[in-house]
N, C-alpha and C. Protein backbone atom coordinates (compact mmCIF):
# COMPACT_ATOMS: atom_id res chain seq x y z
N MET A 1 29.87 33.98 -9.94
CA MET A 1 29.40 35.18 -9.96
C MET A 1 27.79 35.21 -9.74
N LYS A 2 26.94 36.00 -9.47
CA LYS A 2 26.03 36.10 -9.38
C LYS A 2 24.61 36.53 -10.61
N TYR A 3 25.68 37.72 -11.13
CA TYR A 3 25.23 38.31 -12.10
C TYR A 3 26.02 39.23 -13.26
N TYR A 4 25.73 39.08 -14.52
CA TYR A 4 26.86 39.66 -14.59
C TYR A 4 25.91 40.23 -16.27
N SER A 5 26.41 41.48 -16.30
CA SER A 5 25.30 42.28 -17.98
C SER A 5 26.61 43.35 -18.08
N GLU A 6 25.79 43.82 -19.46
CA GLU A 6 26.54 45.01 -19.91
C GLU A 6 25.30 46.20 -20.47
N ILE A 7 25.57 46.89 -20.09
CA ILE A 7 24.96 47.95 -20.60
C ILE A 7 24.87 48.17 -22.08
N VAL A 8 24.04 48.57 -22.49
CA VAL A 8 23.46 48.59 -24.04
C VAL A 8 22.77 49.92 -24.26
N ALA A 9 22.42 50.67 -23.42
CA ALA A 9 21.71 51.89 -23.29
C ALA A 9 21.71 52.83 -22.50
N ILE A 10 21.58 53.95 -22.38
CA ILE A 10 21.58 55.14 -21.21
C ILE A 10 19.66 56.03 -21.84
N GLY A 11 19.35 56.10 -20.82
CA GLY A 11 18.17 56.95 -20.76
C GLY A 11 18.01 58.49 -20.73
N SER A 12 17.24 59.16 -21.19
CA SER A 12 18.00 60.31 -21.54
C SER A 12 17.97 61.18 -20.42
N GLU A 13 17.03 60.64 -19.16
CA GLU A 13 17.04 61.13 -17.57
C GLU A 13 17.42 60.35 -16.86
N ALA A 14 18.47 58.57 -17.18
CA ALA A 14 18.70 58.05 -16.09
C ALA A 14 19.92 58.66 -15.08
N LEU A 15 20.59 59.78 -15.32
CA LEU A 15 21.92 59.69 -14.94
C LEU A 15 21.42 61.13 -14.01
N GLU A 16 20.42 61.44 -14.08
CA GLU A 16 19.85 62.77 -13.04
C GLU A 16 19.80 62.08 -11.74
N PHE A 17 19.34 60.71 -11.69
CA PHE A 17 19.15 60.08 -10.59
C PHE A 17 20.73 60.09 -9.59
N LEU A 18 21.48 60.23 -10.19
CA LEU A 18 22.56 59.83 -10.14
C LEU A 18 23.13 60.91 -9.58
N LYS A 19 22.84 62.01 -10.39
CA LYS A 19 23.68 63.30 -10.23
C LYS A 19 22.78 64.17 -8.91
N ASP A 20 21.87 63.45 -8.43
CA ASP A 20 20.67 64.24 -7.03
C ASP A 20 21.54 63.52 -6.24
N PRO A 21 21.47 64.57 -5.34
CA PRO A 21 22.45 64.03 -3.51
C PRO A 21 21.40 64.16 -3.31
N ASP A 22 20.30 63.90 -3.14
CA ASP A 22 19.13 63.47 -2.04
C ASP A 22 19.27 61.71 -2.79
N SER A 23 19.22 61.78 -4.23
CA SER A 23 18.73 60.32 -4.21
C SER A 23 20.05 59.13 -5.04
N ARG A 24 21.27 59.99 -5.33
CA ARG A 24 21.99 58.80 -5.98
C ARG A 24 21.76 57.59 -5.82
N SER A 25 21.31 57.73 -6.84
CA SER A 25 21.08 56.32 -7.76
C SER A 25 20.85 55.54 -9.25
N LEU A 26 20.82 54.62 -9.74
CA LEU A 26 20.61 54.49 -10.97
C LEU A 26 19.77 52.87 -11.09
N ILE A 27 18.42 53.31 -12.22
CA ILE A 27 16.94 52.72 -12.33
C ILE A 27 17.75 51.78 -12.91
N LEU A 28 18.21 50.05 -12.87
CA LEU A 28 18.47 49.24 -13.88
C LEU A 28 17.55 48.36 -14.64
N PHE A 29 17.15 48.66 -16.32
CA PHE A 29 15.99 47.49 -16.69
C PHE A 29 16.59 46.73 -17.87
N ASP A 30 16.28 45.60 -18.01
CA ASP A 30 16.71 44.79 -19.10
C ASP A 30 16.21 46.01 -20.45
N TYR A 31 17.42 45.55 -21.46
CA TYR A 31 16.95 46.18 -22.75
C TYR A 31 15.65 46.17 -23.78
N THR A 32 14.88 45.03 -23.02
CA THR A 32 13.38 45.54 -23.80
C THR A 32 12.35 46.65 -23.01
N ALA A 33 12.63 47.21 -22.33
CA ALA A 33 11.72 47.75 -21.39
C ALA A 33 11.19 49.31 -21.79
N SER A 34 10.41 49.12 -21.85
CA SER A 34 9.18 50.06 -22.84
C SER A 34 10.02 51.60 -22.92
N PRO A 35 9.21 52.14 -24.14
CA PRO A 35 9.99 53.27 -23.68
C PRO A 35 9.74 54.50 -22.58
N ASP A 36 8.97 54.63 -21.75
CA ASP A 36 8.70 55.19 -20.74
C ASP A 36 9.80 54.70 -19.75
N LEU A 37 10.32 53.58 -19.46
CA LEU A 37 11.00 53.11 -18.35
C LEU A 37 12.48 53.28 -19.07
N ALA A 38 12.18 53.09 -20.17
CA ALA A 38 13.81 53.12 -20.88
C ALA A 38 14.57 54.57 -20.59
N ASP A 39 13.38 55.25 -20.74
CA ASP A 39 13.73 56.86 -20.86
C ASP A 39 14.57 57.67 -19.39
N ILE A 40 14.29 56.33 -18.06
CA ILE A 40 14.75 56.82 -16.72
C ILE A 40 15.63 55.75 -16.14
N SER A 41 16.31 55.17 -17.12
CA SER A 41 16.99 53.73 -16.94
C SER A 41 18.34 53.98 -18.00
N ILE A 42 19.06 52.61 -16.85
CA ILE A 42 19.80 52.13 -17.62
C ILE A 42 19.86 50.87 -18.16
N LEU A 43 19.67 50.78 -19.00
CA LEU A 43 19.25 49.48 -19.90
C LEU A 43 20.50 48.42 -20.28
N GLN A 44 20.16 47.34 -19.56
CA GLN A 44 21.67 45.93 -19.77
C GLN A 44 20.89 44.93 -20.18
N LYS A 45 21.84 44.07 -21.22
CA LYS A 45 21.42 42.85 -21.89
C LYS A 45 22.15 41.95 -20.73
N LYS A 46 21.37 40.46 -19.52
CA LYS A 46 22.26 39.96 -19.28
C LYS A 46 22.63 39.16 -19.76
N LYS A 47 24.41 38.81 -19.09
CA LYS A 47 24.98 37.87 -19.86
C LYS A 47 25.04 36.76 -19.42
N GLY A 48 24.95 36.46 -18.13
CA GLY A 48 25.59 35.03 -16.83
C GLY A 48 24.75 35.50 -15.90
N GLY A 49 25.44 34.59 -15.33
CA GLY A 49 24.64 34.79 -13.11
C GLY A 49 23.87 34.04 -12.88
N MET A 50 23.65 32.97 -11.83
CA MET A 50 22.18 32.94 -11.16
C MET A 50 22.17 33.07 -9.99
N GLY A 51 22.72 33.87 -9.46
CA GLY A 51 22.82 34.25 -8.16
C GLY A 51 21.89 34.93 -7.35
N GLU A 52 21.33 35.25 -6.23
CA GLU A 52 20.65 36.57 -5.68
C GLU A 52 21.93 37.37 -4.74
N PRO A 53 21.56 38.06 -4.73
CA PRO A 53 22.79 39.42 -4.57
C PRO A 53 22.08 39.45 -2.66
N ALA A 54 23.28 39.62 -2.14
CA ALA A 54 23.00 39.26 -0.88
C ALA A 54 23.98 40.61 -0.18
N LYS A 55 23.41 40.53 1.40
CA LYS A 55 24.21 41.98 1.76
C LYS A 55 25.88 41.14 1.86
N GLY A 56 26.78 42.04 1.98
CA GLY A 56 28.35 41.77 1.79
C GLY A 56 28.96 41.44 0.64
N ASP A 57 27.92 41.22 -0.66
CA ASP A 57 29.05 40.36 -1.70
C ASP A 57 29.18 42.05 -2.37
N THR A 58 29.90 41.99 -3.31
CA THR A 58 30.69 43.10 -4.30
C THR A 58 29.78 43.34 -5.49
N LEU A 59 29.35 44.67 -5.78
CA LEU A 59 28.89 44.67 -7.04
C LEU A 59 30.13 45.95 -7.88
N LEU A 60 30.27 45.64 -8.68
CA LEU A 60 31.34 46.12 -9.80
C LEU A 60 30.30 46.96 -11.34
N ILE A 61 30.33 47.72 -11.27
CA ILE A 61 30.17 48.84 -12.21
C ILE A 61 31.84 49.26 -13.27
N GLY A 62 31.90 48.49 -13.71
CA GLY A 62 33.05 48.87 -14.86
C GLY A 62 33.92 48.48 -14.13
N ASN A 63 35.44 49.20 -13.53
CA ASN A 63 36.18 49.06 -12.22
C ASN A 63 36.31 49.58 -10.72
N LYS A 64 34.50 50.19 -10.84
CA LYS A 64 34.50 50.39 -9.41
C LYS A 64 33.39 49.29 -9.04
N ALA A 65 34.47 49.23 -7.61
CA ALA A 65 33.59 48.32 -6.81
C ALA A 65 32.88 49.02 -5.56
N PHE A 66 31.76 47.99 -5.48
CA PHE A 66 30.87 48.42 -4.35
C PHE A 66 30.28 47.33 -3.62
N THR A 67 30.06 47.45 -1.99
CA THR A 67 30.10 46.91 -1.22
C THR A 67 28.32 46.83 -0.94
N ILE A 68 27.68 45.76 -1.30
CA ILE A 68 26.48 45.74 -1.39
C ILE A 68 26.07 45.63 0.44
N THR A 69 24.84 46.70 1.21
CA THR A 69 25.04 47.22 2.11
C THR A 69 23.25 46.25 3.14
N ALA A 70 22.68 46.24 1.66
CA ALA A 70 21.52 45.87 2.03
C ALA A 70 20.47 45.52 0.57
N VAL A 71 19.83 44.34 0.80
CA VAL A 71 19.49 44.19 -0.29
C VAL A 71 17.22 44.68 -0.18
N GLY A 72 16.69 45.05 -0.57
CA GLY A 72 15.21 45.12 -1.05
C GLY A 72 14.59 43.70 -1.25
N THR A 73 13.34 43.31 -0.45
CA THR A 73 12.94 42.29 -0.69
C THR A 73 12.82 41.88 -2.13
N GLU A 74 12.23 42.75 -3.36
CA GLU A 74 12.12 42.70 -4.28
C GLU A 74 12.77 42.47 -5.26
N ALA A 75 14.05 43.05 -4.75
CA ALA A 75 15.31 43.55 -5.81
C ALA A 75 15.85 42.18 -6.31
N PRO A 76 15.70 40.85 -5.55
CA PRO A 76 16.28 39.56 -6.07
C PRO A 76 15.06 39.32 -7.41
N HIS A 77 13.96 39.27 -7.16
CA HIS A 77 13.34 39.02 -7.96
C HIS A 77 12.77 39.04 -8.95
N THR A 78 12.70 40.80 -9.14
CA THR A 78 13.33 41.28 -10.11
C THR A 78 14.32 41.40 -11.10
N LEU A 79 15.28 41.62 -10.34
CA LEU A 79 16.29 41.56 -11.21
C LEU A 79 16.55 40.20 -11.80
N ALA A 80 16.35 39.36 -11.29
CA ALA A 80 16.39 37.83 -12.28
C ALA A 80 15.34 38.00 -13.64
N GLU A 81 13.93 38.42 -12.90
CA GLU A 81 12.94 38.48 -13.86
C GLU A 81 13.07 39.55 -14.66
N LEU A 82 13.25 40.68 -14.59
CA LEU A 82 13.22 42.14 -15.76
C LEU A 82 14.94 42.20 -15.88
N SER A 83 15.39 41.80 -15.07
CA SER A 83 17.45 43.15 -14.92
C SER A 83 16.76 44.02 -14.46
N HIS A 84 15.89 44.17 -13.65
CA HIS A 84 15.97 45.53 -13.47
C HIS A 84 15.75 45.66 -11.29
N CYS A 85 16.34 47.00 -11.11
CA CYS A 85 16.57 46.99 -9.48
C CYS A 85 16.90 48.68 -9.49
N THR A 86 17.09 49.28 -8.42
CA THR A 86 17.63 50.54 -8.31
C THR A 86 18.57 50.60 -7.29
N LEU A 87 19.90 50.48 -8.19
CA LEU A 87 20.86 50.46 -7.29
C LEU A 87 21.42 52.34 -6.37
N CYS A 88 21.43 51.84 -5.19
CA CYS A 88 21.14 53.06 -4.28
C CYS A 88 22.84 53.39 -3.52
N PHE A 89 23.53 54.02 -4.02
CA PHE A 89 25.02 54.75 -3.69
C PHE A 89 25.28 55.64 -2.56
N LYS A 90 24.51 55.30 -1.48
CA LYS A 90 24.13 56.06 0.00
C LYS A 90 24.70 55.09 1.27
N GLY A 91 24.75 53.49 0.45
CA GLY A 91 25.06 52.35 1.81
C GLY A 91 23.62 52.51 2.67
N GLY A 92 24.19 51.75 3.92
CA GLY A 92 22.81 52.09 4.97
C GLY A 92 22.46 50.53 5.01
N GLU A 93 22.12 50.01 6.01
CA GLU A 93 21.64 49.01 6.39
C GLU A 93 20.20 48.89 6.27
N VAL A 94 19.17 49.62 5.67
CA VAL A 94 18.14 49.03 5.45
C VAL A 94 17.55 49.95 4.03
N PRO A 95 17.00 48.90 3.30
CA PRO A 95 17.14 49.61 1.51
C PRO A 95 15.50 50.70 1.69
N GLU A 96 15.77 51.60 0.90
CA GLU A 96 14.91 52.89 0.96
C GLU A 96 13.78 52.99 0.13
N ARG A 97 13.83 51.47 -0.87
CA ARG A 97 12.15 51.24 -1.30
C ARG A 97 12.35 49.17 -1.80
N PRO A 98 11.73 48.67 -1.71
CA PRO A 98 11.87 46.63 -1.98
C PRO A 98 12.58 46.66 -3.07
N GLY A 99 12.85 47.38 -4.09
CA GLY A 99 13.37 47.25 -5.42
C GLY A 99 15.00 47.59 -5.06
N CYS A 100 15.71 48.01 -4.47
CA CYS A 100 16.63 48.36 -4.24
C CYS A 100 17.26 47.36 -3.33
N ILE A 101 18.45 47.71 -4.24
CA ILE A 101 19.99 47.51 -3.60
C ILE A 101 20.97 48.42 -3.28
N MET A 102 21.27 48.83 -1.88
CA MET A 102 22.05 49.64 -1.52
C MET A 102 23.48 49.30 -1.02
N LEU A 103 24.85 50.14 -1.98
CA LEU A 103 26.00 50.09 -1.66
C LEU A 103 26.31 51.19 -1.32
N GLU A 104 27.65 50.68 -0.93
CA GLU A 104 28.97 52.02 -0.23
C GLU A 104 30.22 51.38 -1.14
N GLY A 105 31.17 52.65 -0.92
CA GLY A 105 32.44 52.59 -1.96
C GLY A 105 33.23 53.45 -1.39
N ASP A 106 34.31 53.29 -1.86
CA ASP A 106 35.54 54.41 -1.48
C ASP A 106 35.73 55.35 -2.62
N ASP A 107 35.14 54.86 -3.62
CA ASP A 107 35.36 55.94 -5.15
C ASP A 107 33.62 56.11 -5.12
N LYS A 108 33.65 57.21 -5.75
CA LYS A 108 32.16 58.16 -5.93
C LYS A 108 32.12 57.29 -7.65
N LEU A 109 30.60 56.45 -8.13
CA LEU A 109 30.57 56.50 -9.30
C LEU A 109 29.92 57.72 -10.07
N THR A 110 30.24 58.55 -11.31
CA THR A 110 30.05 58.92 -11.59
C THR A 110 29.63 59.17 -12.93
N ALA A 111 28.82 59.73 -14.02
CA ALA A 111 28.26 59.30 -15.17
C ALA A 111 29.29 59.31 -16.33
N TYR A 112 30.35 59.77 -16.07
CA TYR A 112 31.64 59.12 -17.06
C TYR A 112 31.65 57.55 -16.94
N ASP A 113 31.69 56.95 -15.67
CA ASP A 113 31.36 55.78 -15.07
C ASP A 113 30.50 54.74 -16.19
N ILE A 114 29.42 55.78 -16.39
CA ILE A 114 28.45 55.08 -17.01
C ILE A 114 28.40 54.53 -18.53
N GLN A 115 28.62 54.12 -19.40
CA GLN A 115 28.80 54.38 -20.55
C GLN A 115 28.10 52.71 -21.63
N ILE A 116 27.98 52.90 -22.23
CA ILE A 116 27.65 52.06 -23.27
C ILE A 116 28.83 50.91 -23.19
N GLY A 117 28.79 49.56 -22.73
CA GLY A 117 29.50 48.39 -22.89
C GLY A 117 30.34 48.31 -21.23
N THR A 118 29.68 48.96 -20.92
CA THR A 118 30.62 48.91 -19.45
C THR A 118 29.50 47.68 -18.46
N SER A 119 29.92 47.21 -18.15
CA SER A 119 29.78 45.84 -17.59
C SER A 119 29.32 45.90 -16.16
N ILE A 120 28.53 44.90 -15.47
CA ILE A 120 27.61 44.98 -14.25
C ILE A 120 27.73 44.01 -13.31
N GLU A 121 28.74 43.86 -12.53
CA GLU A 121 28.99 42.12 -12.17
C GLU A 121 28.21 42.34 -10.47
N ILE A 122 28.17 41.16 -10.32
CA ILE A 122 27.70 41.22 -8.50
C ILE A 122 28.08 39.62 -8.26
N TYR A 123 29.10 39.50 -7.16
CA TYR A 123 29.62 38.68 -6.83
C TYR A 123 30.42 38.55 -5.25
């Protein structure tokens, strides 16, 4: 396993990015993030894993699986150091931003899937 965390809090504006058809994304940060960042983020506590995410890996949020189609140049570093990245559920071979991990899957991720205690895994 390359990465394992649990959602510990959901910012008041965090799910708006997921609902927005132009964005379809989630911002992840460590649970120690500043209040300004916490408002727009899914806060997580890293529980394990030491690898870098790569194209072709699988990312699980709860029981929903997504294939990583691209990884931005900054995403591996910020994920390791700050538990931070942007998960973008639009697929695509080119990351939208340096901190993005692009994902595609058969099942659509919904706000209902994002709950305190839900795991986030990369393998």
